[in-house]
PDB file of N, CA and C in Angstrom:
ATOM      1  N   CYS A   1      -5.477  11.523   2.513  1.00  0.00           N
ATOM      2  CA  CYS A   1      -5.065  12.128   3.776  1.00  0.00           C
ATOM      3  C   CYS A   1      -5.385  11.224   4.968  1.00  0.00           C
ATOM      4  N   ILE A   2      -6.538  10.574   4.928  1.00  0.00           N
ATOM      5  CA  ILE A   2      -6.911   9.707   6.045  1.00  0.00           C
ATOM      6  C   ILE A   2      -6.011   8.477   6.077  1.00  0.00           C
ATOM      7  N   PHE A   3      -5.659   7.947   4.912  1.00  0.00           N
ATOM      8  CA  PHE A   3      -4.729   6.818   4.857  1.00  0.00           C
ATOM      9  C   PHE A   3      -3.386   7.218   5.466  1.00  0.00           C
ATOM     10  N   LYS A   4      -2.919   8.401   5.129  1.00  0.00           N
ATOM     11  CA  LYS A   4      -1.668   8.919   5.699  1.00  0.00           C
ATOM     12  C   LYS A   4      -1.801   9.071   7.216  1.00  0.00           C
ATOM     13  N   ALA A   5      -2.958   9.497   7.680  1.00  0.00           N
ATOM     14  CA  ALA A   5      -3.203   9.648   9.113  1.00  0.00           C
ATOM     15  C   ALA A   5      -3.189   8.291   9.808  1.00  0.00           C
ATOM     16  N   VAL A   6      -3.798   7.286   9.197  1.00  0.00           N
ATOM     17  CA  VAL A   6      -3.818   5.941   9.775  1.00  0.00           C
ATOM     18  C   VAL A   6      -2.398   5.390   9.874  1.00  0.00           C
ATOM     19  N   LEU A   7      -1.596   5.588   8.854  1.00  0.00           N
ATOM     20  CA  LEU A   7      -0.192   5.149   8.908  1.00  0.00           C
ATOM     21  C   LEU A   7       0.551   5.855  10.037  1.00  0.00           C
ATOM     22  N   PHE A   8       0.318   7.152  10.172  1.00  0.00           N
ATOM     23  CA  PHE A   8       0.939   7.931  11.239  1.00  0.00           C
ATOM     24  C   PHE A   8       0.526   7.389  12.610  1.00  0.00           C
ATOM     25  N   ILE A   9      -0.746   7.082  12.770  1.00  0.00           N
ATOM     26  CA  ILE A   9      -1.260   6.535  14.031  1.00  0.00           C
ATOM     27  C   ILE A   9      -0.552   5.223  14.355  1.00  0.00           C
ATOM     28  N   HIS A  10      -0.428   4.358  13.376  1.00  0.00           N
ATOM     29  CA  HIS A  10       0.220   3.061  13.601  1.00  0.00           C
ATOM     30  C   HIS A  10       1.686   3.237  13.995  1.00  0.00           C
ATOM     31  N   GLU A  11       2.358   4.207  13.395  1.00  0.00           N
ATOM     32  CA  GLU A  11       3.759   4.466  13.722  1.00  0.00           C
ATOM     33  C   GLU A  11       3.918   5.068  15.117  1.00  0.00           C
ATOM     34  N   GLN A  12       2.915   5.801  15.571  1.00  0.00           N
ATOM     35  CA  GLN A  12       2.999   6.543  16.829  1.00  0.00           C
ATOM     36  C   GLN A  12       2.105   5.962  17.924  1.00  0.00           C
ATOM     37  N   ILE A  13       1.719   4.701  17.822  1.00  0.00           N
ATOM     38  CA  ILE A  13       0.715   4.124  18.724  1.00  0.00           C
ATOM     39  C   ILE A  13       1.103   4.246  20.203  1.00  0.00           C
ATOM     40  N   ALA A  14       2.394   4.262  20.512  1.00  0.00           N
ATOM     41  CA  ALA A  14       2.822   4.365  21.912  1.00  0.00           C
ATOM     42  C   ALA A  14       2.797   5.799  22.436  1.00  0.00           C
ATOM     43  N   ALA A  15       2.718   6.753  21.544  1.00  0.00           N
ATOM     44  CA  ALA A  15       2.750   8.169  21.936  1.00  0.00           C
ATOM     45  C   ALA A  15       1.335   8.681  22.213  1.00  0.00           C
ATOM     46  N   PRO A  16       1.233   9.762  22.978  1.00  0.00           N
ATOM     47  CA  PRO A  16      -0.081  10.394  23.126  1.00  0.00           C
ATOM     48  C   PRO A  16      -0.561  10.872  21.750  1.00  0.00           C
ATOM     49  N   LEU A  17      -1.764  10.508  21.388  1.00  0.00           N
ATOM     50  CA  LEU A  17      -2.308  10.889  20.080  1.00  0.00           C
ATOM     51  C   LEU A  17      -3.574  11.708  20.268  1.00  0.00           C
ATOM     52  N   HIS A  18      -3.589  12.867  19.637  1.00  0.00           N
ATOM     53  CA  HIS A  18      -4.744  13.756  19.705  1.00  0.00           C
ATOM     54  C   HIS A  18      -5.166  14.104  18.290  1.00  0.00           C
ATOM     55  N   ALA A  19      -6.455  14.243  18.100  1.00  0.00           N
ATOM     56  CA  ALA A  19      -6.994  14.533  16.772  1.00  0.00           C
ATOM     57  C   ALA A  19      -6.365  15.792  16.180  1.00  0.00           C
ATOM     58  N   GLU A  20      -6.151  16.809  17.008  1.00  0.00           N
ATOM     59  CA  GLU A  20      -5.576  18.052  16.505  1.00  0.00           C
ATOM     60  C   GLU A  20      -4.203  17.830  15.880  1.00  0.00           C
ATOM     61  N   ALA A  21      -3.372  17.054  16.560  1.00  0.00           N
ATOM     62  CA  ALA A  21      -2.009  16.816  16.078  1.00  0.00           C
ATOM     63  C   ALA A  21      -2.003  15.970  14.812  1.00  0.00           C
ATOM     64  N   VAL A  22      -2.837  14.946  14.769  1.00  0.00           N
ATOM     65  CA  VAL A  22      -2.888  14.086  13.580  1.00  0.00           C
ATOM     66  C   VAL A  22      -3.467  14.868  12.406  1.00  0.00           C
ATOM     67  N   ALA A  23      -4.485  15.672  12.665  1.00  0.00           N
ATOM     68  CA  ALA A  23      -5.060  16.510  11.609  1.00  0.00           C
ATOM     69  C   ALA A  23      -4.009  17.476  11.059  1.00  0.00           C
ATOM     70  N   ALA A  24      -3.235  18.073  11.937  1.00  0.00           N
ATOM     71  CA  ALA A  24      -2.175  18.984  11.493  1.00  0.00           C
ATOM     72  C   ALA A  24      -1.126  18.232  10.674  1.00  0.00           C
ATOM     73  N   HIS A  25      -0.844  17.000  11.060  1.00  0.00           N
ATOM     74  CA  HIS A  25       0.134  16.182  10.327  1.00  0.00           C
ATOM     75  C   HIS A  25      -0.289  15.965   8.872  1.00  0.00           C
ATOM     76  N   VAL A  26      -1.591  15.888   8.638  1.00  0.00           N
ATOM     77  CA  VAL A  26      -2.094  15.686   7.270  1.00  0.00           C
ATOM     78  C   VAL A  26      -2.692  16.968   6.685  1.00  0.00           C
ATOM     79  N   ASN A  27      -2.379  18.108   7.311  1.00  0.00           N
ATOM     80  CA  ASN A  27      -2.800  19.426   6.819  1.00  0.00           C
ATOM     81  C   ASN A  27      -4.304  19.576   6.660  1.00  0.00           C
ATOM     82  N   MET A  28      -5.021  19.187   7.697  1.00  0.00           N
ATOM     83  CA  MET A  28      -6.478  19.339   7.710  1.00  0.00           C
ATOM     84  C   MET A  28      -6.879  20.024   9.013  1.00  0.00           C
ATOM     85  N   SER A  29      -8.046  20.660   9.003  1.00  0.00           N
ATOM     86  CA  SER A  29      -8.567  21.193  10.257  1.00  0.00           C
ATOM     87  C   SER A  29      -9.057  20.006  11.094  1.00  0.00           C
ATOM     88  N   ARG A  30      -9.056  20.184  12.404  1.00  0.00           N
ATOM     89  CA  ARG A  30      -9.468  19.098  13.294  1.00  0.00           C
ATOM     90  C   ARG A  30     -10.899  18.650  13.010  1.00  0.00           C
ATOM     91  N   SER A  31     -11.808  19.588  12.854  1.00  0.00           N
ATOM     92  CA  SER A  31     -13.212  19.212  12.664  1.00  0.00           C
ATOM     93  C   SER A  31     -13.428  18.480  11.342  1.00  0.00           C
ATOM     94  N   TYR A  32     -12.814  18.965  10.271  1.00  0.00           N
ATOM     95  CA  TYR A  32     -12.970  18.299   8.970  1.00  0.00           C
ATOM     96  C   TYR A  32     -12.280  16.936   8.989  1.00  0.00           C
ATOM     97  N   PHE A  33     -11.115  16.879   9.631  1.00  0.00           N
ATOM     98  CA  PHE A  33     -10.407  15.611   9.764  1.00  0.00           C
ATOM     99  C   PHE A  33     -11.275  14.582  10.487  1.00  0.00           C
ATOM    100  N   CYS A  34     -11.851  14.971  11.620  1.00  0.00           N
ATOM    101  CA  CYS A  34     -12.678  14.042  12.394  1.00  0.00           C
ATOM    102  C   CYS A  34     -13.893  13.579  11.596  1.00  0.00           C
ATOM    103  N   GLN A  35     -14.480  14.493  10.848  1.00  0.00           N
ATOM    104  CA  GLN A  35     -15.632  14.152  10.009  1.00  0.00           C
ATOM    105  C   GLN A  35     -15.224  13.138   8.934  1.00  0.00           C
ATOM    106  N   CYS A  36     -14.141  13.401   8.228  1.00  0.00           N
ATOM    107  CA  CYS A  36     -13.658  12.493   7.174  1.00  0.00           C
ATOM    108  C   CYS A  36     -13.196  11.165   7.761  1.00  0.00           C
ATOM    109  N   PHE A  37     -12.533  11.233   8.899  1.00  0.00           N
ATOM    110  CA  PHE A  37     -12.013  10.027   9.533  1.00  0.00           C
ATOM    111  C   PHE A  37     -13.152   9.075   9.860  1.00  0.00           C
ATOM    112  N   LYS A  38     -14.213   9.590  10.465  1.00  0.00           N
ATOM    113  CA  LYS A  38     -15.351   8.738  10.823  1.00  0.00           C
ATOM    114  C   LYS A  38     -16.040   8.202   9.572  1.00  0.00           C
ATOM    115  N   LYS A  39     -16.164   9.024   8.563  1.00  0.00           N
ATOM    116  CA  LYS A  39     -16.823   8.592   7.330  1.00  0.00           C
ATOM    117  C   LYS A  39     -16.060   7.438   6.673  1.00  0.00           C
ATOM    118  N   LEU A  40     -14.734   7.513   6.693  1.00  0.00           N
ATOM    119  CA  LEU A  40     -13.924   6.507   6.003  1.00  0.00           C
ATOM    120  C   LEU A  40     -13.596   5.278   6.847  1.00  0.00           C
ATOM    121  N   THR A  41     -13.492   5.431   8.162  1.00  0.00           N
ATOM    122  CA  THR A  41     -13.142   4.285   9.008  1.00  0.00           C
ATOM    123  C   THR A  41     -14.353   3.676   9.711  1.00  0.00           C
ATOM    124  N   GLY A  42     -15.424   4.446   9.816  1.00  0.00           N
ATOM    125  CA  GLY A  42     -16.599   3.974  10.538  1.00  0.00           C
ATOM    126  C   GLY A  42     -16.501   4.167  12.039  1.00  0.00           C
ATOM    127  N   LEU A  43     -15.392   4.738  12.491  1.00  0.00           N
ATOM    128  CA  LEU A  43     -15.174   4.959  13.922  1.00  0.00           C
ATOM    129  C   LEU A  43     -14.758   6.397  14.170  1.00  0.00           C
ATOM    130  N   THR A  44     -15.067   6.892  15.363  1.00  0.00           N
ATOM    131  CA  THR A  44     -14.532   8.197  15.737  1.00  0.00           C
ATOM    132  C   THR A  44     -13.021   8.048  15.908  1.00  0.00           C
ATOM    133  N   PHE A  45     -12.319   9.156  15.898  1.00  0.00           N
ATOM    134  CA  PHE A  45     -10.866   9.125  16.061  1.00  0.00           C
ATOM    135  C   PHE A  45     -10.489   8.412  17.360  1.00  0.00           C
ATOM    136  N   ASN A  46     -11.112   8.797  18.474  1.00  0.00           N
ATOM    137  CA  ASN A  46     -10.773   8.203  19.768  1.00  0.00           C
ATOM    138  C   ASN A  46     -11.103   6.712  19.820  1.00  0.00           C
ATOM    139  N   ASP A  47     -12.236   6.317  19.252  1.00  0.00           N
ATOM    140  CA  ASP A  47     -12.585   4.894  19.214  1.00  0.00           C
ATOM    141  C   ASP A  47     -11.584   4.109  18.386  1.00  0.00           C
ATOM    142  N   TYR A  48     -11.131   4.692  17.287  1.00  0.00           N
ATOM    143  CA  TYR A  48     -10.147   4.023  16.431  1.00  0.00           C
ATOM    144  C   TYR A  48      -8.818   3.848  17.176  1.00  0.00           C
ATOM    145  N   ILE A  49      -8.374   4.895  17.866  1.00  0.00           N
ATOM    146  CA  ILE A  49      -7.132   4.820  18.633  1.00  0.00           C
ATOM    147  C   ILE A  49      -7.243   3.711  19.677  1.00  0.00           C
ATOM    148  N   ARG A  50      -8.335   3.699  20.418  1.00  0.00           N
ATOM    149  CA  ARG A  50      -8.540   2.687  21.457  1.00  0.00           C
ATOM    150  C   ARG A  50      -8.519   1.286  20.840  1.00  0.00           C
ATOM    151  N   GLN A  51      -9.230   1.102  19.749  1.00  0.00           N
ATOM    152  CA  GLN A  51      -9.295  -0.203  19.085  1.00  0.00           C
ATOM    153  C   GLN A  51      -7.911  -0.657  18.605  1.00  0.00           C
ATOM    154  N   GLU A  52      -7.163   0.254  18.014  1.00  0.00           N
ATOM    155  CA  GLU A  52      -5.839  -0.100  17.502  1.00  0.00           C
ATOM    156  C   GLU A  52      -4.870  -0.410  18.639  1.00  0.00           C
ATOM    157  N   ARG A  53      -4.940   0.348  19.712  1.00  0.00           N
ATOM    158  CA  ARG A  53      -4.058   0.073  20.849  1.00  0.00           C
ATOM    159  C   ARG A  53      -4.352  -1.304  21.440  1.00  0.00           C
ATOM    160  N   ILE A  54      -5.617  -1.658  21.531  1.00  0.00           N
ATOM    161  CA  ILE A  54      -5.979  -2.971  22.071  1.00  0.00           C
ATOM    162  C   ILE A  54      -5.562  -4.070  21.091  1.00  0.00           C
ATOM    163  N   ARG A  55      -5.706  -3.841  19.800  1.00  0.00           N
ATOM    164  CA  ARG A  55      -5.286  -4.829  18.796  1.00  0.00           C
ATOM    165  C   ARG A  55      -3.784  -5.101  18.901  1.00  0.00           C
ATOM    166  N   VAL A  56      -2.990  -4.038  19.022  1.00  0.00           N
ATOM    167  CA  VAL A  56      -1.541  -4.204  19.161  1.00  0.00           C
ATOM    168  C   VAL A  56      -1.220  -4.895  20.490  1.00  0.00           C
ATOM    169  N   ALA A  57      -1.924  -4.530  21.552  1.00  0.00           N
ATOM    170  CA  ALA A  57      -1.707  -5.169  22.857  1.00  0.00           C
ATOM    171  C   ALA A  57      -2.010  -6.665  22.782  1.00  0.00           C
ATOM    172  N   GLU A  58      -3.084  -7.028  22.102  1.00  0.00           N
ATOM    173  CA  GLU A  58      -3.413  -8.450  21.934  1.00  0.00           C
ATOM    174  C   GLU A  58      -2.267  -9.184  21.244  1.00  0.00           C
ATOM    175  N   GLN A  59      -1.754  -8.571  20.213  1.00  0.00           N
ATOM    176  CA  GLN A  59      -0.636  -9.166  19.467  1.00  0.00           C
ATOM    177  C   GLN A  59       0.584  -9.333  20.378  1.00  0.00           C
ATOM    178  N   LEU A  60       0.917  -8.298  21.137  1.00  0.00           N
ATOM    179  CA  LEU A  60       2.067  -8.365  22.036  1.00  0.00           C
ATOM    180  C   LEU A  60       1.863  -9.391  23.144  1.00  0.00           C
ATOM    181  N   LEU A  61       0.660  -9.504  23.656  1.00  0.00           N
ATOM    182  CA  LEU A  61       0.376 -10.488  24.695  1.00  0.00           C
ATOM    183  C   LEU A  61       0.582 -11.912  24.175  1.00  0.00           C
ATOM    184  N   CYS A  62       0.244 -12.124  22.926  1.00  0.00           N
ATOM    185  CA  CYS A  62       0.376 -13.449  22.324  1.00  0.00           C
ATOM    186  C   CYS A  62       1.795 -13.765  21.886  1.00  0.00           C
ATOM    187  N   GLU A  63       2.524 -12.764  21.441  1.00  0.00           N
ATOM    188  CA  GLU A  63       3.803 -13.012  20.785  1.00  0.00           C
ATOM    189  C   GLU A  63       5.023 -12.714  21.631  1.00  0.00           C
ATOM    190  N   THR A  64       4.829 -12.120  22.809  1.00  0.00           N
ATOM    191  CA  THR A  64       5.976 -11.802  23.656  1.00  0.00           C
ATOM    192  C   THR A  64       5.707 -12.280  25.079  1.00  0.00           C
ATOM    193  N   SER A  65       6.744 -12.277  25.863  1.00  0.00           N
ATOM    194  CA  SER A  65       6.591 -12.581  27.283  1.00  0.00           C
ATOM    195  C   SER A  65       6.811 -11.319  28.120  1.00  0.00           C
ATOM    196  N   GLN A  66       6.740 -10.160  27.473  1.00  0.00           N
ATOM    197  CA  GLN A  66       6.899  -8.884  28.176  1.00  0.00           C
ATOM    198  C   GLN A  66       5.797  -8.738  29.231  1.00  0.00           C
ATOM    199  N   SER A  67       6.102  -7.984  30.271  1.00  0.00           N
ATOM    200  CA  SER A  67       5.117  -7.763  31.340  1.00  0.00           C
ATOM    201  C   SER A  67       3.929  -6.963  30.802  1.00  0.00           C
ATOM    202  N   ILE A  68       2.834  -7.067  31.502  1.00  0.00           N
ATOM    203  CA  ILE A  68       1.633  -6.323  31.116  1.00  0.00           C
ATOM    204  C   ILE A  68       1.886  -4.822  31.237  1.00  0.00           C
ATOM    205  N   ALA A  69       2.663  -4.408  32.229  1.00  0.00           N
ATOM    206  CA  ALA A  69       3.006  -2.982  32.361  1.00  0.00           C
ATOM    207  C   ALA A  69       3.809  -2.511  31.157  1.00  0.00           C
ATOM    208  N   TRP A  70       4.750  -3.335  30.695  1.00  0.00           N
ATOM    209  CA  TRP A  70       5.542  -2.982  29.511  1.00  0.00           C
ATOM    210  C   TRP A  70       4.639  -2.856  28.284  1.00  0.00           C
ATOM    211  N   ILE A  71       3.718  -3.797  28.132  1.00  0.00           N
ATOM    212  CA  ILE A  71       2.797  -3.773  26.989  1.00  0.00           C
ATOM    213  C   ILE A  71       1.893  -2.545  27.069  1.00  0.00           C
ATOM    214  N   ALA A  72       1.401  -2.237  28.257  1.00  0.00           N
ATOM    215  CA  ALA A  72       0.566  -1.044  28.430  1.00  0.00           C
ATOM    216  C   ALA A  72       1.312   0.198  27.952  1.00  0.00           C
ATOM    217  N   ASN A  73       2.561   0.342  28.354  1.00  0.00           N
ATOM    218  CA  ASN A  73       3.365   1.488  27.912  1.00  0.00           C
ATOM    219  C   ASN A  73       3.615   1.451  26.412  1.00  0.00           C
ATOM    220  N   ALA A  74       3.842   0.271  25.869  1.00  0.00           N
ATOM    221  CA  ALA A  74       4.138   0.130  24.438  1.00  0.00           C
ATOM    222  C   ALA A  74       2.972   0.537  23.557  1.00  0.00           C
ATOM    223  N   VAL A  75       1.759   0.493  24.100  1.00  0.00           N
ATOM    224  CA  VAL A  75       0.591   0.885  23.311  1.00  0.00           C
ATOM    225  C   VAL A  75      -0.017   2.203  23.782  1.00  0.00           C
ATOM    226  N   GLY A  76       0.739   2.946  24.580  1.00  0.00           N
ATOM    227  CA  GLY A  76       0.323   4.304  24.908  1.00  0.00           C
ATOM    228  C   GLY A  76      -0.449   4.488  26.201  1.00  0.00           C
ATOM    229  N   TYR A  77      -0.479   3.471  27.051  1.00  0.00           N
ATOM    230  CA  TYR A  77      -1.159   3.607  28.344  1.00  0.00           C
ATOM    231  C   TYR A  77      -0.113   3.626  29.451  1.00  0.00           C
ATOM    232  N   GLY A  78       0.041   4.758  30.103  1.00  0.00           N
ATOM    233  CA  GLY A  78       1.009   4.884  31.180  1.00  0.00           C
ATOM    234  C   GLY A  78       0.544   4.250  32.479  1.00  0.00           C
ATOM    235  N   ASP A  79      -0.745   4.063  32.620  1.00  0.00           N
ATOM    236  CA  ASP A  79      -1.331   3.500  33.840  1.00  0.00           C
ATOM    237  C   ASP A  79      -1.810   2.086  33.539  1.00  0.00           C
ATOM    238  N   VAL A  80      -1.156   1.097  34.129  1.00  0.00           N
ATOM    239  CA  VAL A  80      -1.474  -0.301  33.825  1.00  0.00           C
ATOM    240  C   VAL A  80      -2.892  -0.669  34.274  1.00  0.00           C
ATOM    241  N   LYS A  81      -3.375  -0.070  35.363  1.00  0.00           N
ATOM    242  CA  LYS A  81      -4.745  -0.360  35.813  1.00  0.00           C
ATOM    243  C   LYS A  81      -5.765   0.165  34.802  1.00  0.00           C
ATOM    244  N   TYR A  82      -5.526   1.355  34.282  1.00  0.00           N
ATOM    245  CA  TYR A  82      -6.425   1.911  33.270  1.00  0.00           C
ATOM    246  C   TYR A  82      -6.362   1.067  31.998  1.00  0.00           C
ATOM    247  N   PHE A  83      -5.164   0.667  31.607  1.00  0.00           N
ATOM    248  CA  PHE A  83      -5.007  -0.212  30.450  1.00  0.00           C
ATOM    249  C   PHE A  83      -5.808  -1.498  30.649  1.00  0.00           C
ATOM    250  N   SER A  84      -5.681  -2.116  31.811  1.00  0.00           N
ATOM    251  CA  SER A  84      -6.408  -3.361  32.089  1.00  0.00           C
ATOM    252  C   SER A  84      -7.913  -3.144  32.013  1.00  0.00           C
ATOM    253  N   HIS A  85      -8.368  -1.992  32.515  1.00  0.00           N
ATOM    254  CA  HIS A  85      -9.798  -1.654  32.467  1.00  0.00           C
ATOM    255  C   HIS A  85     -10.277  -1.522  31.017  1.00  0.00           C
ATOM    256  N   ILE A  86      -9.551  -0.764  30.211  1.00  0.00           N
ATOM    257  CA  ILE A  86      -9.922  -0.570  28.805  1.00  0.00           C
ATOM    258  C   ILE A  86      -9.835  -1.897  28.051  1.00  0.00           C
ATOM    259  N   PHE A  87      -8.785  -2.668  28.310  1.00  0.00           N
ATOM    260  CA  PHE A  87      -8.619  -3.962  27.650  1.00  0.00           C
ATOM    261  C   PHE A  87      -9.814  -4.864  27.969  1.00  0.00           C
ATOM    262  N   HIS A  88     -10.210  -4.890  29.237  1.00  0.00           N
ATOM    263  CA  HIS A  88     -11.366  -5.704  29.651  1.00  0.00           C
ATOM    264  C   HIS A  88     -12.648  -5.226  28.988  1.00  0.00           C
ATOM    265  N   GLU A  89     -12.835  -3.914  28.902  1.00  0.00           N
ATOM    266  CA  GLU A  89     -14.022  -3.364  28.218  1.00  0.00           C
ATOM    267  C   GLU A  89     -14.105  -3.842  26.774  1.00  0.00           C
ATOM    268  N   GLN A  90     -12.957  -3.898  26.098  1.00  0.00           N
ATOM    269  CA  GLN A  90     -12.924  -4.224  24.673  1.00  0.00           C
ATOM    270  C   GLN A  90     -12.974  -5.727  24.409  1.00  0.00           C
ATOM    271  N   THR A  91     -12.416  -6.545  25.299  1.00  0.00           N
ATOM    272  CA  THR A  91     -12.260  -7.974  25.013  1.00  0.00           C
ATOM    273  C   THR A  91     -13.023  -8.887  25.972  1.00  0.00           C
ATOM    274  N   ASP A  92     -13.558  -8.338  27.047  1.00  0.00           N
ATOM    275  CA  ASP A  92     -14.188  -9.111  28.122  1.00  0.00           C
ATOM    276  C   ASP A  92     -13.204 -10.013  28.858  1.00  0.00           C
ATOM    277  N   LEU A  93     -11.920  -9.759  28.695  1.00  0.00           N
ATOM    278  CA  LEU A  93     -10.879 -10.489  29.408  1.00  0.00           C
ATOM    279  C   LEU A  93      -9.857  -9.499  29.950  1.00  0.00           C
ATOM    280  N   LEU A  94      -9.264  -9.818  31.086  1.00  0.00           N
ATOM    281  CA  LEU A  94      -8.120  -9.044  31.551  1.00  0.00           C
ATOM    282  C   LEU A  94      -6.923  -9.420  30.694  1.00  0.00           C
ATOM    283  N   PRO A  95      -5.914  -8.552  30.600  1.00  0.00           N
ATOM    284  CA  PRO A  95      -4.747  -8.893  29.787  1.00  0.00           C
ATOM    285  C   PRO A  95      -4.119 -10.232  30.171  1.00  0.00           C
ATOM    286  N   SER A  96      -4.029 -10.517  31.454  1.00  0.00           N
ATOM    287  CA  SER A  96      -3.443 -11.793  31.892  1.00  0.00           C
ATOM    288  C   SER A  96      -4.307 -12.970  31.447  1.00  0.00           C
ATOM    289  N   GLU A  97      -5.613 -12.811  31.496  1.00  0.00           N
ATOM    290  CA  GLU A  97      -6.516 -13.867  31.034  1.00  0.00           C
ATOM    291  C   GLU A  97      -6.392 -14.062  29.529  1.00  0.00           C
ATOM    292  N   TYR A  98      -6.289 -12.954  28.805  1.00  0.00           N
ATOM    293  CA  TYR A  98      -6.129 -13.038  27.355  1.00  0.00           C
ATOM    294  C   TYR A  98      -4.845 -13.783  27.009  1.00  0.00           C
ATOM    295  N   ARG A  99      -3.754 -13.434  27.676  1.00  0.00           N
ATOM    296  CA  ARG A  99      -2.469 -14.089  27.422  1.00  0.00           C
ATOM    297  C   ARG A  99      -2.571 -15.587  27.704  1.00  0.00           C
ATOM    298  N   ALA A 100      -3.167 -15.955  28.808  1.00  0.00           N
ATOM    299  CA  ALA A 100      -3.293 -17.372  29.169  1.00  0.00           C
ATOM    300  C   ALA A 100      -4.138 -18.134  28.156  1.00  0.00           C
ATOM    301  N   GLN A 101      -5.161 -17.473  27.645  1.00  0.00           N
ATOM    302  CA  GLN A 101      -6.077 -18.137  26.710  1.00  0.00           C
ATOM    303  C   GLN A 101      -5.539 -18.210  25.294  1.00  0.00           C
ATOM    304  N   PHE A 102      -4.822 -17.181  24.859  1.00  0.00           N
ATOM    305  CA  PHE A 102      -4.446 -17.086  23.430  1.00  0.00           C
ATOM    306  C   PHE A 102      -2.963 -17.095  23.164  1.00  0.00           C
ATOM    307  N   ASN A 103      -2.122 -17.218  24.177  1.00  0.00           N
ATOM    308  CA  ASN A 103      -0.673 -17.131  23.967  1.00  0.00           C
ATOM    309  C   ASN A 103      -0.183 -18.234  23.042  1.00  0.00           C
ATOM    310  N   LYS A 104       0.458 -17.816  21.956  1.00  0.00           N
ATOM    311  CA  LYS A 104       1.030 -18.748  20.987  1.00  0.00           C
ATOM    312  C   LYS A 104       2.548 -18.692  21.010  1.00  0.00           C
ATOM    313  N   GLY A 105       3.094 -17.726  21.750  1.00  0.00           N
ATOM    314  CA  GLY A 105       4.545 -17.547  21.792  1.00  0.00           C
ATOM    315  C   GLY A 105       5.161 -18.325  22.923  1.00  0.00           C
ATOM    316  N   ASP A 106       6.466 -18.250  23.004  1.00  0.00           N
ATOM    317  CA  ASP A 106       7.184 -18.910  24.099  1.00  0.00           C
ATOM    318  C   ASP A 106       7.129 -18.033  25.334  1.00  0.00           C
ATOM    319  N   LYS A 107       6.819 -18.623  26.457  1.00  0.00           N
ATOM    320  CA  LYS A 107       6.786 -17.878  27.715  1.00  0.00           C
ATOM    321  C   LYS A 107       7.939 -18.236  28.580  1.00  0.00           C
TER     322      LYS A 107
END
């Protein structure tokens, strides 16, 4: 069930994701889902979502020339300033700094 939930999360990374909805998708109660999710992934549901969104954003920053606002929306952050804040918390770099440092794609 947790593997199915992780696949669902990856497919829906741009959409608002809540533990209740993902738990319902895999036919589990929210509390039991969150307990199993943390046991199997080592992260809380919200921490996992944040980590995955930043991982996908890193990939997009390196592989595309899309704007940072577009990337923020593509990974589920409607507010580019909030996205930049979370990205900086996770990577110690702003998205623009990350792109400049690690960009392997054509700009």
